[in-house]
Protein backbone atom coordinates (compact mmCIF):
# COMPACT_ATOMS: atom_id res chain seq x y z
CA MET A 1 7.91 6.96 25.96
CA ASP A 2 5.34 8.61 28.13
CA ILE A 3 2.65 10.79 26.69
CA PHE A 4 0.14 12.70 28.71
CA ARG A 5 -3.02 14.62 28.03
CA ILE A 6 -4.19 18.06 29.04
CA ASN A 7 -6.42 16.42 31.67
CA ASP A 8 -3.30 15.05 33.37
CA LEU A 9 -1.90 18.58 33.61
CA ARG A 10 -5.26 19.83 34.84
CA LYS A 11 -4.68 17.84 38.04
CA LEU A 12 -1.59 19.96 38.70
CA PHE A 13 -3.22 23.22 37.59
CA PRO A 14 -6.95 23.03 38.41
CA ASP A 15 -7.56 26.67 37.51
CA GLU A 16 -8.12 26.84 33.72
CA ALA A 17 -6.31 30.18 33.30
CA ASN A 18 -3.27 28.90 35.22
CA LEU A 19 -3.32 25.69 33.18
CA LYS A 20 -3.13 27.54 29.85
CA VAL A 21 -0.32 29.79 31.07
CA ALA A 22 1.63 26.84 32.52
CA VAL A 23 1.27 24.76 29.34
CA LYS A 24 2.38 27.67 27.14
CA ARG A 25 5.41 28.32 29.36
CA MET A 26 6.40 24.64 29.41
CA ILE A 27 6.19 24.50 25.61
CA ASP A 28 8.08 27.79 25.18
CA THR A 29 10.87 26.67 27.52
CA GLY A 30 11.10 23.22 25.93
CA ILE A 31 10.01 21.23 28.96
CA ILE A 32 7.18 19.60 27.01
CA ILE A 33 6.44 19.27 23.33
CA PRO A 34 2.98 19.03 21.80
CA VAL A 35 2.35 15.81 19.89
CA ALA A 36 -1.26 16.49 18.92
CA ARG A 37 -4.00 18.76 20.23
CA GLY A 38 -4.05 18.34 24.01
CA ILE A 39 -1.37 15.60 23.96
CA TYR A 40 2.22 16.14 25.08
CA THR A 41 5.49 14.38 25.82
CA LEU A 42 8.58 15.41 27.74
CA LYS A 43 11.24 17.16 25.66
CA GLU A 44 14.17 14.96 26.74
CA GLU A 45 12.50 11.84 25.40
CA SER A 46 13.00 10.89 21.79
CA LEU A 47 9.77 11.12 19.87
CA ASP A 48 8.61 7.70 18.62
CA ILE A 49 5.66 8.59 16.41
CA GLU A 50 4.91 4.95 15.57
CA ASN A 51 4.58 4.08 19.25
CA ILE A 52 2.45 7.14 19.97
CA ALA A 53 0.22 6.48 16.95
CA THR A 54 -0.58 2.90 17.97
CA ARG A 55 -1.35 4.01 21.53
CA LEU A 56 -3.48 7.07 20.72
CA TYR A 57 -6.02 5.39 18.46
CA TYR A 58 -6.35 1.91 19.92
CA PRO A 59 -6.59 -0.74 18.66
CA SER A 60 -4.27 -0.12 15.74
CA TYR A 61 -1.11 -1.52 14.20
CA ILE A 62 1.29 -0.25 11.56
CA SER A 63 0.45 -1.82 8.23
CA PHE A 64 -0.13 -1.06 4.54
CA GLU A 65 2.54 1.13 2.90
CA SER A 66 4.34 1.98 6.14
CA ALA A 67 5.00 -1.63 7.10
CA LEU A 68 5.81 -2.64 3.51
CA SER A 69 8.33 0.19 3.26
CA LYS A 70 9.87 -0.81 6.60
CA TYR A 71 10.33 -4.38 5.30
CA GLY A 72 11.79 -3.19 1.97
CA ILE A 73 8.90 -4.55 -0.11
CA ILE A 74 8.06 -1.15 -1.54
CA ASN A 75 10.67 1.51 -2.13
CA GLN A 76 8.50 4.58 -2.48
CA GLY A 77 9.25 7.38 -0.07
CA LEU A 78 6.60 7.79 2.58
CA TYR A 79 5.70 11.04 4.23
CA GLY A 80 3.22 9.64 6.70
CA LEU A 81 2.24 6.62 8.69
CA THR A 82 -0.48 4.14 7.73
CA LEU A 83 -2.18 2.00 10.35
CA ALA A 84 -4.94 -0.61 10.45
CA THR A 85 -7.73 -0.29 13.01
CA THR A 86 -11.12 -1.82 13.73
CA ARG A 87 -12.41 1.65 14.60
CA HIS A 88 -13.58 4.24 12.07
CA SER A 89 -11.02 5.46 9.55
CA LYS A 90 -9.37 8.65 10.69
CA LYS A 91 -6.53 11.01 9.83
CA MET A 92 -4.52 13.00 12.35
CA ILE A 93 -1.23 14.83 12.52
CA LEU A 94 1.18 13.81 15.27
CA ALA A 95 4.21 16.06 15.71
CA GLY A 96 3.98 17.05 12.04
CA VAL A 97 3.57 13.48 10.73
CA ASP A 98 0.38 12.57 8.82
CA CYS A 99 -1.12 9.43 10.35
CA GLU A 100 -3.87 7.61 8.50
CA TYR A 101 -5.89 4.96 10.31
CA CYS A 102 -7.79 2.69 7.91
CA GLN A 103 -10.67 0.60 9.14
CA ILE A 104 -10.55 -3.14 8.52
CA LYS A 105 -13.03 -5.80 9.57
CA GLY A 106 -12.54 -7.25 13.04
CA SER A 107 -11.90 -10.70 11.56
CA LEU A 108 -8.86 -9.25 9.73
CA TYR A 109 -7.37 -7.70 12.86
CA THR A 110 -4.54 -10.21 13.29
CA GLY A 111 -1.03 -10.87 12.02
CA TYR A 112 0.88 -8.26 13.99
CA THR A 113 3.44 -8.35 16.79
CA LEU A 114 4.41 -6.00 19.59
CA THR A 115 8.01 -4.86 19.19
CA ASN A 116 9.50 -2.15 21.42
CA GLY A 117 6.01 -0.98 22.37
CA THR A 118 4.78 -0.68 18.78
CA TYR A 119 2.30 -2.98 17.04
CA LEU A 120 3.53 -3.90 13.53
CA ALA A 121 1.99 -6.16 10.88
CA SER A 122 4.04 -9.00 9.43
CA PRO A 123 5.16 -8.36 5.83
CA GLU A 124 2.62 -10.84 4.50
CA LYS A 125 -0.22 -9.35 6.52
CA ALA A 126 0.69 -5.77 5.55
CA LEU A 127 0.60 -6.77 1.88
CA LEU A 128 -2.79 -8.45 2.24
CA ASP A 129 -4.13 -5.44 4.14
CA LEU A 130 -3.03 -3.18 1.27
CA LEU A 131 -4.62 -5.48 -1.33
CA TYR A 132 -7.80 -5.46 0.77
CA LEU A 133 -7.96 -1.65 0.67
CA HIS A 134 -7.30 -1.79 -3.08
CA ALA A 135 -10.16 -4.28 -3.52
CA LEU A 136 -12.43 -1.83 -1.66
CA GLY A 137 -11.34 0.97 -4.01
CA LYS A 138 -9.54 2.87 -1.24
CA ARG A 139 -5.97 2.51 -2.54
CA THR A 140 -4.15 2.41 -5.83
CA ILE A 141 -1.21 0.06 -6.09
CA ASN A 142 1.80 -0.42 -8.35
CA PRO A 143 2.92 -4.04 -7.79
CA THR A 144 5.50 -3.95 -10.61
CA GLU A 145 7.85 -2.14 -8.22
CA TRP A 146 7.33 -4.49 -5.27
CA ILE A 147 10.12 -6.78 -4.04
CA THR A 148 8.22 -9.85 -2.83
CA ASP A 149 10.89 -12.57 -2.91
CA ALA A 150 11.19 -12.80 0.88
CA LEU A 151 7.44 -13.19 1.49
CA ASN A 152 6.27 -16.51 2.92
CA PRO A 153 3.58 -17.99 0.62
CA LYS A 154 2.41 -20.35 3.38
CA GLU A 155 1.76 -17.41 5.71
CA ILE A 156 -0.07 -15.56 2.92
CA ARG A 157 -2.32 -18.58 2.31
CA GLY A 158 -3.02 -18.85 6.04
CA TYR A 159 -4.28 -15.27 6.25
CA LEU A 160 -6.14 -15.37 2.91
CA THR A 161 -9.01 -17.44 4.31
CA LYS A 162 -10.18 -14.34 6.21
CA TYR A 163 -10.14 -12.01 3.19
CA PRO A 164 -12.73 -11.58 0.41
CA PRO A 165 -12.21 -13.57 -2.82
CA ALA A 166 -11.07 -10.43 -4.66
CA VAL A 167 -7.93 -10.34 -2.50
CA GLU A 168 -7.19 -14.01 -3.23
CA ASN A 169 -7.57 -13.32 -6.95
CA MET A 170 -5.07 -10.45 -6.73
CA VAL A 171 -2.61 -12.66 -4.84
CA LYS A 172 -2.83 -15.27 -7.61
CA GLU A 173 -2.47 -12.63 -10.35
CA LEU A 174 0.64 -11.25 -8.65
CA GLY A 175 2.19 -14.72 -8.46
CA LEU A 176 2.34 -14.70 -4.66
CA TRP A 177 0.48 -18.01 -4.46
CA LYS A 178 3.29 -20.51 -4.88
């Protein structure tokens, strides 16, 4: 999916007044749709918010509740998208979807793959990322509702060496250290 910024359109319409009129007309006629302030995509393309979110605030990957929900580890309904980044934490709305970027240490920025243009944490990494935010006091968790049977304890132990001891203690308390 291609996204473009207002500066890209400015090359076609160098006069600021013409630019504003052209953008409004393209939106009104459905040629383009606004994704965020000054960011657009073509109407005929399907809107892949996850792909856009990982490209707009780079580096970032889908993690925390969003990834855990995708993998079926948590069943709570999600209304937004949660992403890990090494940049400052930030919230933005993309095409009506709340996107929350949560800062993690650079040493923790690992454990994700690129699938269909979207960066996504492994289930084990997403869980550890969420426990990390909880240890920092930035998230509340309800592990009694988690379905963790399919998690790979060996992969969890491999990532744990990068996390603070508080995360390792939570992993042991939750019985994920087998």
